[in-house]
Amino acid sequence: MTNTPHPRRADRWQRNGLVRLITHSDPIALVGICLSIALDVNEVASGVESLLVGLLVTVLSLVLDASARAERRFQLRRVIGAADWIAESVTSTATTLRWIHERYPGTAVEDETRRRLRRLAEELEQLGQGRVERPRDDSEHLLAATRECRERMEAVTNIVGEPVWWRSDLGVAYWQANLDALDRGVRIRRVFLVDRHTAELEELLEYQRRAGVEVVVKYQEGQTGQLINYVVWDGLRAWEARMDARGEIMAQLFTLNGHDVERLRDSFRRLVPTGS
């Protein structure tokens, strides 16, 4: 009994084999081979000439492919070699990714790795735009930028109800950084957007005025008011709070992005026109 393939199955195997050949072959090399065959079949060129044409196109394909691969390797080396920490991080991450793929292929571990890698790519893209997003309680950049400010601060503070934030540990640390900046000769202008005037608010406003802050107070209705909080330092970097409908800070954005900084400066100029 022979193992002769069924005619349809044999035809399918032939088609699949052709697809695999085309998939794993260089397009230019295939064109060269087809051109060589066409020249020979149609007797446009002799067998030797058609063979030489095919070889020439194939060699050209190999040279172009080698050049492209060398260029990609050069670009990769240039990117990775830009800083020591990039090479270390990329090498370590690539090694871990390969280890996960080899040990846990097709499992939940590999799926989760892909999701986290996509999320990392999105976060890196945001960082590439000069933006750092932090949770509501992480104000490292707010304090650091205030301590490093050299010329001017333009700030907007939204207060709903009593100014309790300024009594918090973060508020106290931020105010001390403001005082230190004033001692360095930094000009601080702060707009308070408030929904009501209270004795505690008046005390805060007067305290900041006496310290040297240029205070502007704007009253706004609760539902129609602007829920915004931001600071711009020296016109070069900025901090912005992401707020919910109740005026609570949900996240913080520190940015060096020129469009972000200019957007906030435009907002400040609308609140405090030139000459005010």
C-alpha atoms as a PDB file:
ATOM      1  CA  MET A   1       0.000   0.000   0.000  1.00  0.00           C
ATOM      2  CA  THR A   2       1.499   3.361  -1.041  1.00  0.00           C
ATOM      3  CA  ASN A   3       1.111   6.703   0.730  1.00  0.00           C
ATOM      4  CA  THR A   4       0.123   8.669  -2.364  1.00  0.00           C
ATOM      5  CA  PRO A   5      -1.359  12.020  -1.301  1.00  0.00           C
ATOM      6  CA  HIS A   6      -4.918  12.840  -2.258  1.00  0.00           C
ATOM      7  CA  PRO A   7      -4.873  15.095  -5.382  1.00  0.00           C
ATOM      8  CA  ARG A   8      -6.556  18.019  -3.586  1.00  0.00           C
ATOM      9  CA  ARG A   9      -4.319  17.619  -0.540  1.00  0.00           C
ATOM     10  CA  ALA A  10      -1.222  17.482  -2.755  1.00  0.00           C
ATOM     11  CA  ASP A  11      -2.377  20.635  -4.525  1.00  0.00           C
ATOM     12  CA  ARG A  12      -2.892  22.355  -1.164  1.00  0.00           C
ATOM     13  CA  TRP A  13       0.592  21.306  -0.022  1.00  0.00           C
ATOM     14  CA  GLN A  14       2.029  22.761  -3.226  1.00  0.00           C
ATOM     15  CA  ARG A  15       0.210  26.071  -2.697  1.00  0.00           C
ATOM     16  CA  ASN A  16       1.319  26.253   0.951  1.00  0.00           C
ATOM     17  CA  GLY A  17       4.875  25.481  -0.063  1.00  0.00           C
ATOM     18  CA  LEU A  18       4.763  28.288  -2.631  1.00  0.00           C
ATOM     19  CA  VAL A  19       3.385  30.719  -0.032  1.00  0.00           C
ATOM     20  CA  ARG A  20       6.159  29.778   2.413  1.00  0.00           C
ATOM     21  CA  LEU A  21       8.762  30.210  -0.346  1.00  0.00           C
ATOM     22  CA  ILE A  22       7.480  33.684  -1.226  1.00  0.00           C
ATOM     23  CA  THR A  23       7.166  34.679   2.434  1.00  0.00           C
ATOM     24  CA  HIS A  24      10.756  33.777   3.271  1.00  0.00           C
ATOM     25  CA  SER A  25      12.298  34.995   0.011  1.00  0.00           C
ATOM     26  CA  ASP A  26      13.575  38.421  -0.870  1.00  0.00           C
ATOM     27  CA  PRO A  27      11.188  40.160  -3.324  1.00  0.00           C
ATOM     28  CA  ILE A  28      14.029  41.506  -5.481  1.00  0.00           C
ATOM     29  CA  ALA A  29      15.646  38.059  -5.679  1.00  0.00           C
ATOM     30  CA  LEU A  30      12.315  36.564  -6.788  1.00  0.00           C
ATOM     31  CA  VAL A  31      12.005  39.237  -9.461  1.00  0.00           C
ATOM     32  CA  GLY A  32      15.508  38.356 -10.666  1.00  0.00           C
ATOM     33  CA  ILE A  33      14.698  34.646 -10.847  1.00  0.00           C
ATOM     34  CA  CYS A  34      11.402  35.277 -12.662  1.00  0.00           C
ATOM     35  CA  LEU A  35      13.096  37.682 -15.054  1.00  0.00           C
ATOM     36  CA  SER A  36      15.813  35.113 -15.792  1.00  0.00           C
ATOM     37  CA  ILE A  37      13.226  32.434 -16.511  1.00  0.00           C
ATOM     38  CA  ALA A  38      11.151  34.781 -18.698  1.00  0.00           C
ATOM     39  CA  LEU A  39      14.164  35.796 -20.770  1.00  0.00           C
ATOM     40  CA  ASP A  40      15.140  32.174 -21.287  1.00  0.00           C
ATOM     41  CA  VAL A  41      11.633  30.910 -22.106  1.00  0.00           C
ATOM     42  CA  ASN A  42      10.902  33.723 -24.540  1.00  0.00           C
ATOM     43  CA  GLU A  43      14.369  33.336 -26.121  1.00  0.00           C
ATOM     44  CA  VAL A  44      15.037  37.062 -25.666  1.00  0.00           C
ATOM     45  CA  ALA A  45      18.453  36.144 -24.289  1.00  0.00           C
ATOM     46  CA  SER A  46      20.578  33.031 -24.308  1.00  0.00           C
ATOM     47  CA  GLY A  47      20.596  30.694 -21.342  1.00  0.00           C
ATOM     48  CA  VAL A  48      23.884  32.109 -20.082  1.00  0.00           C
ATOM     49  CA  GLU A  49      22.688  35.718 -20.449  1.00  0.00           C
ATOM     50  CA  SER A  50      19.413  35.056 -18.643  1.00  0.00           C
ATOM     51  CA  LEU A  51      21.305  33.278 -15.874  1.00  0.00           C
ATOM     52  CA  LEU A  52      23.655  36.257 -15.517  1.00  0.00           C
ATOM     53  CA  VAL A  53      20.675  38.638 -15.292  1.00  0.00           C
ATOM     54  CA  GLY A  54      19.168  36.558 -12.516  1.00  0.00           C
ATOM     55  CA  LEU A  55      22.470  36.383 -10.655  1.00  0.00           C
ATOM     56  CA  LEU A  56      23.027  40.122 -11.046  1.00  0.00           C
ATOM     57  CA  VAL A  57      19.619  41.002  -9.606  1.00  0.00           C
ATOM     58  CA  THR A  58      20.095  38.509  -6.765  1.00  0.00           C
ATOM     59  CA  VAL A  59      23.521  39.961  -5.898  1.00  0.00           C
ATOM     60  CA  LEU A  60      22.035  43.462  -5.975  1.00  0.00           C
ATOM     61  CA  SER A  61      19.306  42.296  -3.594  1.00  0.00           C
ATOM     62  CA  LEU A  62      21.855  40.832  -1.190  1.00  0.00           C
ATOM     63  CA  VAL A  63      23.946  44.014  -1.245  1.00  0.00           C
ATOM     64  CA  LEU A  64      20.907  46.221  -0.573  1.00  0.00           C
ATOM     65  CA  ASP A  65      19.709  43.909   2.203  1.00  0.00           C
ATOM     66  CA  ALA A  66      23.150  43.893   3.842  1.00  0.00           C
ATOM     67  CA  SER A  67      23.315  47.690   3.635  1.00  0.00           C
ATOM     68  CA  ALA A  68      19.853  48.061   5.182  1.00  0.00           C
ATOM     69  CA  ARG A  69      20.710  45.663   8.001  1.00  0.00           C
ATOM     70  CA  ALA A  70      23.989  47.489   8.673  1.00  0.00           C
ATOM     71  CA  GLU A  71      22.156  50.834   8.786  1.00  0.00           C
ATOM     72  CA  ARG A  72      19.591  49.483  11.249  1.00  0.00           C
ATOM     73  CA  ARG A  73      22.355  48.092  13.451  1.00  0.00           C
ATOM     74  CA  PHE A  74      24.183  51.422  13.304  1.00  0.00           C
ATOM     75  CA  GLN A  75      21.047  53.346  14.270  1.00  0.00           C
ATOM     76  CA  LEU A  76      20.353  50.926  17.119  1.00  0.00           C
ATOM     77  CA  ARG A  77      23.919  51.227  18.416  1.00  0.00           C
ATOM     78  CA  ARG A  78      23.689  55.010  18.186  1.00  0.00           C
ATOM     79  CA  VAL A  79      20.426  55.103  20.155  1.00  0.00           C
ATOM     80  CA  ILE A  80      21.519  52.624  22.813  1.00  0.00           C
ATOM     81  CA  GLY A  81      24.976  54.158  23.102  1.00  0.00           C
ATOM     82  CA  ALA A  82      23.615  57.651  23.775  1.00  0.00           C
ATOM     83  CA  ALA A  83      23.889  57.039  27.543  1.00  0.00           C
ATOM     84  CA  ASP A  84      25.204  54.218  29.722  1.00  0.00           C
ATOM     85  CA  TRP A  85      21.886  53.784  31.517  1.00  0.00           C
ATOM     86  CA  ILE A  86      20.077  53.249  28.172  1.00  0.00           C
ATOM     87  CA  ALA A  87      22.373  50.368  27.187  1.00  0.00           C
ATOM     88  CA  GLU A  88      22.088  48.748  30.611  1.00  0.00           C
ATOM     89  CA  SER A  89      18.296  49.091  30.757  1.00  0.00           C
ATOM     90  CA  VAL A  90      17.667  47.916  27.166  1.00  0.00           C
ATOM     91  CA  THR A  91      19.981  44.926  27.523  1.00  0.00           C
ATOM     92  CA  SER A  92      18.483  43.880  30.848  1.00  0.00           C
ATOM     93  CA  THR A  93      14.901  44.344  29.612  1.00  0.00           C
ATOM     94  CA  ALA A  94      15.513  42.461  26.344  1.00  0.00           C
ATOM     95  CA  THR A  95      17.111  39.572  28.254  1.00  0.00           C
ATOM     96  CA  THR A  96      14.133  39.358  30.612  1.00  0.00           C
ATOM     97  CA  LEU A  97      11.628  39.498  27.745  1.00  0.00           C
ATOM     98  CA  ARG A  98      13.377  36.663  25.914  1.00  0.00           C
ATOM     99  CA  TRP A  99      13.508  34.630  29.137  1.00  0.00           C
ATOM    100  CA  ILE A 100       9.757  35.082  29.645  1.00  0.00           C
ATOM    101  CA  HIS A 101       8.996  34.135  26.033  1.00  0.00           C
ATOM    102  CA  GLU A 102      11.116  30.988  26.215  1.00  0.00           C
ATOM    103  CA  ARG A 103       9.843  29.807  29.602  1.00  0.00           C
ATOM    104  CA  TYR A 104       6.172  30.848  29.478  1.00  0.00           C
ATOM    105  CA  PRO A 105       5.081  30.985  25.808  1.00  0.00           C
ATOM    106  CA  GLY A 106       1.361  31.374  25.245  1.00  0.00           C
ATOM    107  CA  THR A 107       0.596  31.711  28.979  1.00  0.00           C
ATOM    108  CA  ALA A 108      -0.929  34.428  31.144  1.00  0.00           C
ATOM    109  CA  VAL A 109       2.593  35.500  32.071  1.00  0.00           C
ATOM    110  CA  GLU A 110       3.482  36.281  28.451  1.00  0.00           C
ATOM    111  CA  ASP A 111       0.131  38.020  27.883  1.00  0.00           C
ATOM    112  CA  GLU A 112       0.660  40.210  30.945  1.00  0.00           C
ATOM    113  CA  THR A 113       4.200  40.973  29.777  1.00  0.00           C
ATOM    114  CA  ARG A 114       2.862  42.225  26.446  1.00  0.00           C
ATOM    115  CA  ARG A 115       0.266  44.433  28.191  1.00  0.00           C
ATOM    116  CA  ARG A 116       2.869  45.948  30.497  1.00  0.00           C
ATOM    117  CA  LEU A 117       5.253  46.503  27.597  1.00  0.00           C
ATOM    118  CA  ARG A 118       2.538  48.378  25.690  1.00  0.00           C
ATOM    119  CA  ARG A 119       1.774  50.458  28.794  1.00  0.00           C
ATOM    120  CA  LEU A 120       5.478  51.197  29.227  1.00  0.00           C
ATOM    121  CA  ALA A 121       5.681  52.328  25.603  1.00  0.00           C
ATOM    122  CA  GLU A 122       2.758  54.729  26.181  1.00  0.00           C
ATOM    123  CA  GLU A 123       4.371  56.129  29.333  1.00  0.00           C
ATOM    124  CA  LEU A 124       7.695  56.589  27.573  1.00  0.00           C
ATOM    125  CA  GLU A 125       5.929  58.390  24.739  1.00  0.00           C
ATOM    126  CA  GLN A 126       4.434  60.817  27.290  1.00  0.00           C
ATOM    127  CA  LEU A 127       7.861  61.343  28.845  1.00  0.00           C
ATOM    128  CA  GLY A 128       9.241  61.937  25.368  1.00  0.00           C
ATOM    129  CA  GLN A 129       6.801  64.861  25.131  1.00  0.00           C
ATOM    130  CA  GLY A 130       8.264  66.352  28.316  1.00  0.00           C
ATOM    131  CA  ARG A 131       5.438  65.348  30.663  1.00  0.00           C
ATOM    132  CA  VAL A 132       5.662  63.552  34.014  1.00  0.00           C
ATOM    133  CA  GLU A 133       2.382  62.446  35.616  1.00  0.00           C
ATOM    134  CA  ARG A 134       2.342  61.671  39.329  1.00  0.00           C
ATOM    135  CA  PRO A 135      -0.381  60.567  41.779  1.00  0.00           C
ATOM    136  CA  ARG A 136      -2.188  63.133  43.907  1.00  0.00           C
ATOM    137  CA  ASP A 137       0.057  62.763  46.976  1.00  0.00           C
ATOM    138  CA  ASP A 138       3.402  62.888  45.138  1.00  0.00           C
ATOM    139  CA  SER A 139       4.503  66.540  44.914  1.00  0.00           C
ATOM    140  CA  GLU A 140       8.232  66.028  44.488  1.00  0.00           C
ATOM    141  CA  HIS A 141       8.412  68.139  41.316  1.00  0.00           C
ATOM    142  CA  LEU A 142       6.180  70.907  42.719  1.00  0.00           C
ATOM    143  CA  LEU A 143       8.585  71.454  45.614  1.00  0.00           C
ATOM    144  CA  ALA A 144      11.802  70.902  43.643  1.00  0.00           C
ATOM    145  CA  ALA A 145      10.893  73.357  40.867  1.00  0.00           C
ATOM    146  CA  THR A 146       9.889  76.014  43.419  1.00  0.00           C
ATOM    147  CA  ARG A 147      13.240  75.620  45.179  1.00  0.00           C
ATOM    148  CA  GLU A 148      15.067  75.924  41.848  1.00  0.00           C
ATOM    149  CA  CYS A 149      13.074  78.908  40.543  1.00  0.00           C
ATOM    150  CA  ARG A 150      15.266  81.945  39.820  1.00  0.00           C
ATOM    151  CA  GLU A 151      13.147  84.798  38.452  1.00  0.00           C
ATOM    152  CA  ARG A 152       9.377  84.476  38.590  1.00  0.00           C
ATOM    153  CA  MET A 153       6.466  82.254  39.562  1.00  0.00           C
ATOM    154  CA  GLU A 154       2.978  82.591  38.136  1.00  0.00           C
ATOM    155  CA  ALA A 155       0.460  80.547  40.089  1.00  0.00           C
ATOM    156  CA  VAL A 156      -3.279  79.959  40.245  1.00  0.00           C
ATOM    157  CA  THR A 157      -4.830  78.390  43.331  1.00  0.00           C
ATOM    158  CA  ASN A 158      -8.428  77.241  43.407  1.00  0.00           C
ATOM    159  CA  ILE A 159     -10.067  77.232  46.834  1.00  0.00           C
ATOM    160  CA  VAL A 160     -13.475  75.695  47.471  1.00  0.00           C
ATOM    161  CA  GLY A 161     -14.603  76.411  51.031  1.00  0.00           C
ATOM    162  CA  GLU A 162     -11.788  76.903  53.524  1.00  0.00           C
ATOM    163  CA  PRO A 163      -8.093  76.938  52.490  1.00  0.00           C
ATOM    164  CA  VAL A 164      -7.316  73.690  54.320  1.00  0.00           C
ATOM    165  CA  TRP A 165      -4.597  72.592  51.845  1.00  0.00           C
ATOM    166  CA  TRP A 166      -2.292  75.368  53.001  1.00  0.00           C
ATOM    167  CA  ARG A 167      -2.392  73.897  56.543  1.00  0.00           C
ATOM    168  CA  SER A 168      -1.409  70.405  55.374  1.00  0.00           C
ATOM    169  CA  ASP A 169       2.161  69.119  55.568  1.00  0.00           C
ATOM    170  CA  LEU A 170       2.563  69.589  51.823  1.00  0.00           C
ATOM    171  CA  GLY A 171       1.036  73.073  51.968  1.00  0.00           C
ATOM    172  CA  VAL A 172       3.427  74.101  54.738  1.00  0.00           C
ATOM    173  CA  ALA A 173       6.447  72.708  52.827  1.00  0.00           C
ATOM    174  CA  TYR A 174       5.330  74.453  49.645  1.00  0.00           C
ATOM    175  CA  TRP A 175       4.866  77.770  51.423  1.00  0.00           C
ATOM    176  CA  GLN A 176       8.348  77.504  52.946  1.00  0.00           C
ATOM    177  CA  ALA A 177       9.722  76.958  49.423  1.00  0.00           C
ATOM    178  CA  ASN A 178       7.819  80.115  48.402  1.00  0.00           C
ATOM    179  CA  LEU A 179       9.417  82.089  51.237  1.00  0.00           C
ATOM    180  CA  ASP A 180      12.868  80.857  50.252  1.00  0.00           C
ATOM    181  CA  ALA A 181      12.187  81.898  46.656  1.00  0.00           C
ATOM    182  CA  LEU A 182      11.115  85.366  47.772  1.00  0.00           C
ATOM    183  CA  ASP A 183      14.364  85.676  49.719  1.00  0.00           C
ATOM    184  CA  ARG A 184      16.246  84.889  46.478  1.00  0.00           C
ATOM    185  CA  GLY A 185      14.463  87.760  44.736  1.00  0.00           C
ATOM    186  CA  VAL A 186      11.900  85.652  42.856  1.00  0.00           C
ATOM    187  CA  ARG A 187       8.738  87.531  41.900  1.00  0.00           C
ATOM    188  CA  ILE A 188       5.642  85.538  42.866  1.00  0.00           C
ATOM    189  CA  ARG A 189       2.204  86.385  41.522  1.00  0.00           C
ATOM    190  CA  ARG A 190      -0.659  84.218  42.702  1.00  0.00           C
ATOM    191  CA  VAL A 191      -4.313  84.283  41.686  1.00  0.00           C
ATOM    192  CA  PHE A 192      -6.759  82.875  44.223  1.00  0.00           C
ATOM    193  CA  LEU A 193     -10.000  81.634  42.665  1.00  0.00           C
ATOM    194  CA  VAL A 194     -12.447  81.429  45.573  1.00  0.00           C
ATOM    195  CA  ASP A 195     -16.126  80.625  45.951  1.00  0.00           C
ATOM    196  CA  ARG A 196     -16.554  82.577  49.216  1.00  0.00           C
ATOM    197  CA  HIS A 197     -14.779  84.973  51.536  1.00  0.00           C
ATOM    198  CA  THR A 198     -14.099  83.658  55.021  1.00  0.00           C
ATOM    199  CA  ALA A 199     -12.041  84.892  57.941  1.00  0.00           C
ATOM    200  CA  GLU A 200      -9.498  82.104  57.458  1.00  0.00           C
ATOM    201  CA  LEU A 201      -9.157  82.932  53.768  1.00  0.00           C
ATOM    202  CA  GLU A 202      -8.611  86.638  54.524  1.00  0.00           C
ATOM    203  CA  GLU A 203      -5.926  85.685  57.028  1.00  0.00           C
ATOM    204  CA  LEU A 204      -4.127  83.545  54.409  1.00  0.00           C
ATOM    205  CA  LEU A 205      -4.320  86.282  51.777  1.00  0.00           C
ATOM    206  CA  GLU A 206      -2.973  88.932  54.122  1.00  0.00           C
ATOM    207  CA  TYR A 207      -0.184  86.650  55.322  1.00  0.00           C
ATOM    208  CA  GLN A 208       0.997  86.018  51.761  1.00  0.00           C
ATOM    209  CA  ARG A 209       0.772  89.713  50.876  1.00  0.00           C
ATOM    210  CA  ARG A 210       2.942  90.664  53.856  1.00  0.00           C
ATOM    211  CA  ALA A 211       5.502  88.039  52.796  1.00  0.00           C
ATOM    212  CA  GLY A 212       5.803  89.682  49.377  1.00  0.00           C
ATOM    213  CA  VAL A 213       3.480  87.648  47.152  1.00  0.00           C
ATOM    214  CA  GLU A 214       1.464  89.697  44.629  1.00  0.00           C
ATOM    215  CA  VAL A 215      -2.012  88.407  45.421  1.00  0.00           C
ATOM    216  CA  VAL A 216      -5.037  88.669  43.117  1.00  0.00           C
ATOM    217  CA  VAL A 217      -8.422  87.413  44.331  1.00  0.00           C
ATOM    218  CA  LYS A 218     -11.224  86.482  41.972  1.00  0.00           C
ATOM    219  CA  TYR A 219     -14.611  85.406  43.265  1.00  0.00           C
ATOM    220  CA  GLN A 220     -16.487  82.775  41.236  1.00  0.00           C
ATOM    221  CA  GLU A 221     -19.686  80.815  41.629  1.00  0.00           C
ATOM    222  CA  GLY A 222     -19.284  77.176  42.624  1.00  0.00           C
ATOM    223  CA  GLN A 223     -20.860  75.530  39.573  1.00  0.00           C
ATOM    224  CA  THR A 224     -19.554  77.982  36.978  1.00  0.00           C
ATOM    225  CA  GLY A 225     -16.084  78.527  38.404  1.00  0.00           C
ATOM    226  CA  GLN A 226     -12.824  77.250  36.998  1.00  0.00           C
ATOM    227  CA  LEU A 227     -11.367  74.255  38.830  1.00  0.00           C
ATOM    228  CA  ILE A 228      -7.745  74.931  37.999  1.00  0.00           C
ATOM    229  CA  ASN A 229      -4.505  74.813  39.941  1.00  0.00           C
ATOM    230  CA  TYR A 230      -1.135  75.407  38.315  1.00  0.00           C
ATOM    231  CA  VAL A 231       2.283  77.005  38.655  1.00  0.00           C
ATOM    232  CA  VAL A 232       4.665  78.235  35.941  1.00  0.00           C
ATOM    233  CA  TRP A 233       8.325  78.716  36.868  1.00  0.00           C
ATOM    234  CA  ASP A 234      10.518  81.138  34.897  1.00  0.00           C
ATOM    235  CA  GLY A 235       8.304  80.588  31.852  1.00  0.00           C
ATOM    236  CA  LEU A 236      10.068  77.273  31.214  1.00  0.00           C
ATOM    237  CA  ARG A 237       8.316  74.548  33.203  1.00  0.00           C
ATOM    238  CA  ALA A 238       4.992  74.078  34.873  1.00  0.00           C
ATOM    239  CA  TRP A 239       2.927  72.026  37.296  1.00  0.00           C
ATOM    240  CA  GLU A 240      -0.788  71.395  36.856  1.00  0.00           C
ATOM    241  CA  ALA A 241      -3.294  69.594  39.049  1.00  0.00           C
ATOM    242  CA  ARG A 242      -5.855  67.234  37.527  1.00  0.00           C
ATOM    243  CA  MET A 243      -9.023  67.963  39.477  1.00  0.00           C
ATOM    244  CA  ASP A 244     -12.447  66.357  39.849  1.00  0.00           C
ATOM    245  CA  ALA A 245     -15.808  68.155  39.946  1.00  0.00           C
ATOM    246  CA  ARG A 246     -15.480  68.776  43.712  1.00  0.00           C
ATOM    247  CA  GLY A 247     -12.133  70.508  43.364  1.00  0.00           C
ATOM    248  CA  GLU A 248     -10.124  67.568  44.705  1.00  0.00           C
ATOM    249  CA  ILE A 249      -6.703  66.913  43.182  1.00  0.00           C
ATOM    250  CA  MET A 250      -6.699  63.502  41.498  1.00  0.00           C
ATOM    251  CA  ALA A 251      -3.310  63.583  39.773  1.00  0.00           C
ATOM    252  CA  GLN A 252      -0.448  65.958  39.073  1.00  0.00           C
ATOM    253  CA  LEU A 253       1.303  66.823  35.832  1.00  0.00           C
ATOM    254  CA  PHE A 254       4.807  68.263  35.753  1.00  0.00           C
ATOM    255  CA  THR A 255       5.745  69.420  32.269  1.00  0.00           C
ATOM    256  CA  LEU A 256       8.597  70.870  30.244  1.00  0.00           C
ATOM    257  CA  ASN A 257       6.486  70.755  27.096  1.00  0.00           C
ATOM    258  CA  GLY A 258       6.516  74.177  25.466  1.00  0.00           C
ATOM    259  CA  HIS A 259       2.871  73.985  24.363  1.00  0.00           C
ATOM    260  CA  ASP A 260       1.727  73.087  27.893  1.00  0.00           C
ATOM    261  CA  VAL A 261       3.728  75.921  29.446  1.00  0.00           C
ATOM    262  CA  GLU A 262       2.450  78.481  26.947  1.00  0.00           C
ATOM    263  CA  ARG A 263      -1.156  77.304  27.417  1.00  0.00           C
ATOM    264  CA  LEU A 264      -0.910  77.905  31.177  1.00  0.00           C
ATOM    265  CA  ARG A 265       0.825  81.256  30.695  1.00  0.00           C
ATOM    266  CA  ASP A 266      -2.005  82.321  28.360  1.00  0.00           C
ATOM    267  CA  SER A 267      -4.492  81.303  31.049  1.00  0.00           C
ATOM    268  CA  PHE A 268      -2.626  83.391  33.621  1.00  0.00           C
ATOM    269  CA  ARG A 269      -2.501  86.422  31.317  1.00  0.00           C
ATOM    270  CA  ARG A 270      -6.273  86.225  30.875  1.00  0.00           C
ATOM    271  CA  LEU A 271      -6.714  86.233  34.653  1.00  0.00           C
ATOM    272  CA  VAL A 272      -4.127  88.950  35.242  1.00  0.00           C
ATOM    273  CA  PRO A 273      -3.937  91.233  32.169  1.00  0.00           C
ATOM    274  CA  THR A 274      -0.671  93.028  31.472  1.00  0.00           C
ATOM    275  CA  GLY A 275      -0.316  96.096  33.711  1.00  0.00           C
ATOM    276  CA  SER A 276      -2.468  94.707  36.512  1.00  0.00           C
END
